[in-house]
Amino acid sequence: MKGWLGIALGDITGIGPEVTLKALAVQPGPENARFLLIGDRANLERLNTQLGLALDLRPFTGYDQPGRVFVLQPLQASLPAELSPGAPAAANAALAWLEEGARRCLAGELDALITAPVSKEAIIRAGHPFTGQTEFLSELAGTQRTAMMLLGEDDRGRWLRVALATTHVPICRVAEAVTRAKVELAIELAAQACHDLGLARARVAVCGLNPHAGEGGQLGTEEQATIIPAVEAARHRGLDVVGPLAADTLFHQAYRGDFEAVVAMYHDQGLGPLKMIAFERGVNWTLGLPFIRTSPDHGTAYDLAGRGVADPSSMISAVGLAARLAASRR
């Protein structure tokens, strides 16, 4: 069903529904795009009224119906109006909505899925084994060849695009989690992402794991044993890639335009610089899935929920990127 973008509304006790409605109120994406909001209809309509947005939210009955924004409620019963932050009912619903959106993408009914924030802690506390939305969607799609890319621009149009070799791993386990296969995959997917974005070139730089990229083995051997072989293998396959380079200078080089994408070894190595320059507008893009998935680069922000003050900029960027990628694939 071309032209349909799904939005899984995430944890309803967070700011996901609010930033979604605010984003759609400024109409990101092409004018002919239609949006399927997957969540709780009663809560969404109440929030629409509270925010004074006057969005025309129509109950979803089929892909041929007229309109722009539709609401699909997979769960039979509505959630209570008042739930404590991270309540089990909200966590269970968020996971159900995420799965519904992914299955519709896999069935070819949606061009892309944008996912609002969920709480890993709340989902685990509700009884589900859960590492993150990226891992959940990868398992659902039957692929492990995925990677997170976080991308965003500053107010002068300078970009950072960062793919992660590992994602949600405790720091004490990062070194063992960084494998040659993961680094090679992140390089490959980062280069492909540059092509998907229509960039003129796809030069990828790879971070070292250790300070100063290991100082020739004096500060760790992961560079020699794992990262250098991965970079060389990618280069032999024709990819424009350099590294490993010291992360403390590499991000500056990428920021000034020397590289189109960076491969970071672990979560905070890559996301610290990205959020420094694009905190409000950063987007999480899952590379390697058989469908397009983007999300805002922030969490549930329970402390802001219900106050009407949440900034929708990152969700606007996430919707815009999903629409752009979907149009490119069409």
Protein backbone atom coordinates (compact mmCIF):
# COMPACT_ATOMS: atom_id res chain seq x y z
CA MET A 1 0.00 0.00 0.00
CA LYS A 2 2.18 2.78 -1.26
CA GLY A 3 2.20 6.07 0.58
CA TRP A 4 1.39 4.63 4.03
CA LEU A 5 3.72 5.28 6.96
CA GLY A 6 3.11 3.52 10.27
CA ILE A 7 3.88 5.07 13.65
CA ALA A 8 3.97 2.80 16.70
CA LEU A 9 3.18 5.12 19.59
CA GLY A 10 5.50 3.60 22.19
CA ASP A 11 5.05 3.97 25.92
CA ILE A 12 1.84 5.93 26.42
CA THR A 13 3.04 7.21 29.80
CA GLY A 14 5.97 8.92 28.05
CA ILE A 15 6.09 11.66 25.44
CA GLY A 16 5.79 9.45 22.35
CA PRO A 17 2.12 10.16 21.60
CA GLU A 18 2.59 13.88 22.23
CA VAL A 19 5.58 14.35 19.91
CA THR A 20 3.85 12.21 17.28
CA LEU A 21 0.76 14.40 17.19
CA LYS A 22 2.83 17.58 17.25
CA ALA A 23 4.97 16.29 14.38
CA LEU A 24 1.97 15.45 12.23
CA ALA A 25 0.48 18.85 12.96
CA VAL A 26 3.36 20.46 11.04
CA GLN A 27 3.01 17.87 8.26
CA PRO A 28 6.48 16.34 7.81
CA GLY A 29 6.93 14.32 4.66
CA PRO A 30 5.11 14.63 1.33
CA GLU A 31 1.58 15.97 1.22
CA ASN A 32 0.20 12.71 -0.15
CA ALA A 33 1.63 10.60 2.70
CA ARG A 34 -0.88 8.86 4.93
CA PHE A 35 -0.15 7.88 8.50
CA LEU A 36 -1.32 4.87 10.47
CA LEU A 37 -0.98 5.58 14.20
CA ILE A 38 -0.80 2.28 16.07
CA GLY A 39 -1.85 2.76 19.65
CA ASP A 40 -4.75 3.60 21.93
CA ARG A 41 -7.47 5.61 20.21
CA ALA A 42 -9.22 7.07 23.27
CA ASN A 43 -5.99 8.30 24.83
CA LEU A 44 -4.80 9.73 21.53
CA GLU A 45 -8.04 11.63 20.91
CA ARG A 46 -7.95 13.01 24.44
CA LEU A 47 -4.36 14.17 23.97
CA ASN A 48 -5.23 15.73 20.61
CA THR A 49 -7.87 17.83 22.37
CA GLN A 50 -5.62 18.74 25.31
CA LEU A 51 -2.87 19.96 22.98
CA GLY A 52 -5.34 21.95 20.88
CA LEU A 53 -4.01 20.46 17.65
CA ALA A 54 -7.36 19.67 16.04
CA LEU A 55 -5.88 16.86 13.96
CA ASP A 56 -8.47 14.87 12.04
CA LEU A 57 -7.86 11.44 13.59
CA ARG A 58 -9.92 8.83 11.77
CA PRO A 59 -10.50 5.24 12.93
CA PHE A 60 -8.70 2.92 10.54
CA THR A 61 -11.00 0.72 8.47
CA GLY A 62 -8.89 0.04 5.38
CA TYR A 63 -6.12 1.37 3.19
CA ASP A 64 -8.53 2.76 0.59
CA GLN A 65 -10.33 5.17 2.93
CA PRO A 66 -9.95 8.94 2.42
CA GLY A 67 -8.00 11.06 4.88
CA ARG A 68 -4.46 11.56 6.15
CA VAL A 69 -4.10 10.43 9.76
CA PHE A 70 -5.70 7.21 10.99
CA VAL A 71 -5.67 5.34 14.29
CA LEU A 72 -5.43 1.56 14.59
CA GLN A 73 -6.04 0.07 18.03
CA PRO A 74 -4.74 -3.52 18.05
CA LEU A 75 -5.82 -4.16 21.67
CA GLN A 76 -9.52 -4.60 22.29
CA ALA A 77 -9.73 -2.56 25.49
CA SER A 78 -8.51 1.00 25.87
CA LEU A 79 -5.83 1.73 28.43
CA PRO A 80 -6.81 3.68 31.55
CA ALA A 81 -6.57 7.44 31.26
CA GLU A 82 -4.25 7.66 34.24
CA LEU A 83 -1.27 5.30 34.37
CA SER A 84 1.88 5.65 36.41
CA PRO A 85 5.11 6.13 34.41
CA GLY A 86 6.28 2.82 33.00
CA ALA A 87 3.19 0.93 34.15
CA PRO A 88 3.09 -2.74 33.04
CA ALA A 89 -0.07 -2.10 31.00
CA ALA A 90 1.69 0.65 29.07
CA ALA A 91 4.80 -1.50 28.53
CA ASN A 92 2.75 -4.46 27.28
CA ALA A 93 0.79 -2.21 24.92
CA ALA A 94 3.94 -0.57 23.55
CA LEU A 95 5.37 -3.96 22.66
CA ALA A 96 2.10 -5.07 21.01
CA TRP A 97 1.96 -1.86 18.95
CA LEU A 98 5.57 -2.26 17.87
CA GLU A 99 4.93 -5.83 16.73
CA GLU A 100 1.75 -4.83 14.88
CA GLY A 101 3.60 -2.14 12.93
CA ALA A 102 6.48 -4.44 12.05
CA ARG A 103 4.19 -7.22 10.84
CA ARG A 104 2.31 -4.79 8.60
CA CYS A 105 5.62 -3.64 7.13
CA LEU A 106 6.71 -7.23 6.53
CA ALA A 107 3.37 -7.89 4.81
CA GLY A 108 4.00 -4.95 2.47
CA GLU A 109 1.10 -2.91 3.85
CA LEU A 110 3.25 -0.03 5.12
CA ASP A 111 6.18 1.69 3.40
CA ALA A 112 7.96 2.40 6.68
CA LEU A 113 7.64 2.22 10.45
CA ILE A 114 8.45 5.09 12.79
CA THR A 115 8.67 4.01 16.42
CA ALA A 116 8.07 6.28 19.39
CA PRO A 117 10.17 5.68 22.53
CA VAL A 118 9.67 2.73 24.85
CA SER A 119 11.22 1.97 28.23
CA LYS A 120 13.44 -1.12 28.21
CA GLU A 121 13.26 -1.23 31.99
CA ALA A 122 9.46 -1.13 32.03
CA ILE A 123 9.15 -3.83 29.36
CA ILE A 124 11.55 -6.14 31.19
CA ARG A 125 9.76 -5.44 34.47
CA ALA A 126 6.49 -6.42 32.77
CA GLY A 127 7.97 -9.86 32.11
CA HIS A 128 9.40 -9.65 28.59
CA PRO A 129 13.00 -10.47 27.59
CA PHE A 130 13.92 -7.26 25.81
CA THR A 131 17.20 -5.64 24.78
CA GLY A 132 15.85 -2.84 22.62
CA GLN A 133 13.57 -2.05 19.70
CA THR A 134 16.37 -2.63 17.18
CA GLU A 135 17.00 -6.15 18.48
CA PHE A 136 13.27 -6.89 18.82
CA LEU A 137 12.57 -5.89 15.21
CA SER A 138 15.60 -7.78 13.92
CA GLU A 139 14.39 -10.98 15.57
CA LEU A 140 10.86 -10.45 14.29
CA ALA A 141 12.19 -9.96 10.75
CA GLY A 142 14.40 -13.03 11.03
CA THR A 143 17.68 -11.24 10.48
CA GLN A 144 20.74 -10.51 12.57
CA ARG A 145 22.41 -8.43 9.86
CA THR A 146 21.27 -5.11 11.25
CA ALA A 147 22.93 -2.09 12.81
CA MET A 148 21.84 1.15 14.41
CA MET A 149 22.67 4.38 12.64
CA LEU A 150 22.13 7.67 14.41
CA LEU A 151 22.20 10.74 12.21
CA GLY A 152 21.50 14.41 12.55
CA GLU A 153 22.58 17.89 11.55
CA ASP A 154 23.38 21.04 13.46
CA ASP A 155 21.84 24.44 12.80
CA ARG A 156 24.41 25.07 10.03
CA GLY A 157 23.62 21.91 8.09
CA ARG A 158 26.68 19.94 9.23
CA TRP A 159 25.93 16.24 9.59
CA LEU A 160 27.11 13.31 11.65
CA ARG A 161 26.03 9.81 10.64
CA VAL A 162 27.15 7.15 13.09
CA ALA A 163 26.67 3.38 12.72
CA LEU A 164 27.29 1.20 15.77
CA ALA A 165 29.19 -2.09 15.71
CA THR A 166 27.57 -3.01 19.03
CA THR A 167 24.47 -1.57 20.64
CA HIS A 168 23.15 -2.12 24.15
CA VAL A 169 26.11 -3.87 25.76
CA PRO A 170 27.53 -3.21 29.24
CA ILE A 171 30.90 -1.48 29.07
CA CYS A 172 32.60 -4.41 30.80
CA ARG A 173 31.57 -6.64 27.87
CA VAL A 174 32.22 -4.31 24.95
CA ALA A 175 35.68 -5.65 24.01
CA GLU A 176 34.43 -9.22 23.68
CA ALA A 177 31.32 -8.05 21.82
CA VAL A 178 33.36 -6.24 19.14
CA THR A 179 33.94 -8.94 16.52
CA ARG A 180 35.32 -8.74 13.01
CA ALA A 181 31.96 -9.78 11.59
CA LYS A 182 30.12 -7.00 13.43
CA VAL A 183 32.61 -4.34 12.37
CA GLU A 184 32.48 -5.51 8.74
CA LEU A 185 28.68 -5.48 8.81
CA ALA A 186 28.54 -1.98 10.29
CA ILE A 187 30.92 -0.71 7.58
CA GLU A 188 28.89 -2.36 4.82
CA LEU A 189 25.57 -1.03 6.11
CA ALA A 190 26.96 2.46 6.71
CA ALA A 191 28.21 2.63 3.12
CA GLN A 192 24.87 1.39 1.82
CA ALA A 193 23.09 3.99 3.93
CA CYS A 194 25.09 6.73 2.24
CA HIS A 195 23.93 5.45 -1.14
CA ASP A 196 20.32 5.19 0.08
CA LEU A 197 20.51 8.81 1.17
CA GLY A 198 21.68 9.82 -2.29
CA LEU A 199 25.02 11.19 -1.09
CA ALA A 200 27.68 11.92 -3.69
CA ARG A 201 30.16 9.61 -1.99
CA ALA A 202 30.21 7.02 0.78
CA ARG A 203 33.48 7.45 2.64
CA VAL A 204 33.34 5.61 5.96
CA ALA A 205 35.75 6.07 8.87
CA VAL A 206 36.08 3.47 11.60
CA CYS A 207 36.80 4.26 15.25
CA GLY A 208 39.33 2.38 17.28
CA LEU A 209 38.07 0.75 20.45
CA ASN A 210 40.91 1.87 22.70
CA PRO A 211 42.34 5.35 23.37
CA HIS A 212 44.47 6.56 20.43
CA ALA A 213 43.24 3.51 18.47
CA GLY A 214 45.39 1.28 20.67
CA GLU A 215 48.76 3.01 20.12
CA GLY A 216 49.98 0.16 17.91
CA GLY A 217 48.99 -2.45 20.47
CA GLN A 218 50.36 -0.67 23.52
CA LEU A 219 46.88 0.25 24.79
CA GLY A 220 45.02 -2.85 23.66
CA THR A 221 45.13 -5.37 20.84
CA GLU A 222 41.55 -5.22 19.55
CA GLU A 223 42.56 -2.90 16.73
CA GLN A 224 45.20 -5.32 15.37
CA ALA A 225 43.24 -8.49 16.01
CA THR A 226 39.74 -7.40 15.00
CA ILE A 227 39.21 -3.93 13.56
CA ILE A 228 42.09 -3.69 11.07
CA PRO A 229 41.20 -7.04 9.44
CA ALA A 230 37.58 -5.90 9.15
CA VAL A 231 38.56 -2.61 7.54
CA GLU A 232 40.93 -4.34 5.12
CA ALA A 233 38.26 -6.89 4.16
CA ALA A 234 35.76 -4.10 3.47
CA ARG A 235 38.33 -2.21 1.42
CA HIS A 236 39.04 -5.32 -0.64
CA ARG A 237 35.34 -5.45 -1.46
CA GLY A 238 35.58 -1.99 -2.97
CA LEU A 239 34.28 0.10 -0.08
CA ASP A 240 35.80 3.51 0.61
CA VAL A 241 36.78 3.00 4.25
CA VAL A 242 39.63 4.08 6.52
CA GLY A 243 40.59 3.21 10.07
CA PRO A 244 40.80 2.42 12.83
CA LEU A 245 41.28 6.04 13.83
CA ALA A 246 41.36 7.60 17.29
CA ALA A 247 37.76 8.41 18.18
CA ASP A 248 38.70 11.62 20.00
CA THR A 249 39.69 13.24 16.69
CA LEU A 250 37.68 11.22 14.18
CA PHE A 251 34.35 12.79 15.05
CA HIS A 252 35.76 16.27 14.50
CA GLN A 253 36.98 15.18 11.06
CA ALA A 254 33.60 13.72 10.17
CA TYR A 255 31.82 16.81 11.47
CA ARG A 256 33.83 19.06 9.16
CA GLY A 257 32.91 16.84 6.20
CA ASP A 258 35.91 14.54 5.68
CA PHE A 259 33.72 11.44 5.97
CA GLU A 260 30.07 10.70 5.22
CA ALA A 261 29.69 8.15 8.01
CA VAL A 262 31.48 6.89 11.11
CA VAL A 263 31.45 3.36 12.52
CA ALA A 264 31.69 3.49 16.31
CA MET A 265 32.50 0.45 18.40
CA TYR A 266 29.93 0.97 21.16
CA HIS A 267 26.85 2.96 22.09
CA ASP A 268 28.22 5.92 24.01
CA GLN A 269 31.34 6.28 21.85
CA GLY A 270 29.11 7.14 18.91
CA LEU A 271 26.09 8.77 20.48
CA GLY A 272 27.86 11.29 22.68
CA PRO A 273 29.20 13.31 19.72
CA LEU A 274 25.97 12.87 17.75
CA LYS A 275 23.79 14.19 20.55
CA MET A 276 26.16 17.08 21.13
CA ILE A 277 25.43 18.49 17.68
CA ALA A 278 21.91 17.19 16.99
CA PHE A 279 20.23 16.54 20.32
CA GLU A 280 16.85 17.92 19.23
CA ARG A 281 16.89 16.57 15.67
CA GLY A 282 18.78 13.28 15.79
CA VAL A 283 17.21 10.20 14.23
CA ASN A 284 17.75 6.50 14.89
CA TRP A 285 17.65 4.48 11.65
CA THR A 286 17.85 0.68 11.77
CA LEU A 287 20.02 -0.45 8.87
CA GLY A 288 19.63 -3.91 7.35
CA LEU A 289 15.96 -4.57 8.10
CA PRO A 290 13.74 -5.66 5.19
CA PHE A 291 11.68 -2.53 5.85
CA ILE A 292 12.40 1.08 6.75
CA ARG A 293 12.42 1.84 10.46
CA THR A 294 13.29 5.18 12.04
CA SER A 295 12.70 6.65 15.48
CA PRO A 296 13.41 9.84 17.41
CA ASP A 297 16.72 9.83 19.21
CA HIS A 298 15.38 10.30 22.72
CA GLY A 299 13.66 8.31 25.42
CA THR A 300 10.26 8.32 27.08
CA ALA A 301 11.02 11.44 29.16
CA TYR A 302 8.50 10.56 31.86
CA ASP A 303 9.26 13.84 33.61
CA LEU A 304 7.89 15.79 30.64
CA ALA A 305 4.89 13.62 29.85
CA GLY A 306 1.49 15.20 30.31
CA ARG A 307 2.83 18.75 30.48
CA GLY A 308 2.48 19.60 26.79
CA VAL A 309 6.06 20.89 26.55
CA ALA A 310 7.83 18.05 24.73
CA ASP A 311 9.88 19.12 21.69
CA PRO A 312 8.78 17.19 18.56
CA SER A 313 11.86 18.08 16.48
CA SER A 314 13.40 14.61 16.60
CA MET A 315 10.09 12.94 15.69
CA ILE A 316 9.65 15.41 12.82
CA SER A 317 13.10 14.38 11.57
CA ALA A 318 12.30 10.68 12.01
CA VAL A 319 9.07 10.96 10.03
CA GLY A 320 10.77 13.06 7.37
CA LEU A 321 13.62 10.57 6.93
CA ALA A 322 11.21 7.63 6.74
CA ALA A 323 9.14 9.41 4.09
CA ARG A 324 12.27 10.33 2.12
CA LEU A 325 13.61 6.76 2.17
CA ALA A 326 10.20 5.33 1.26
CA ALA A 327 9.87 7.69 -1.71
CA SER A 328 13.38 6.74 -2.84
CA ARG A 329 12.56 3.02 -2.74
CA ARG A 330 9.32 3.56 -4.67
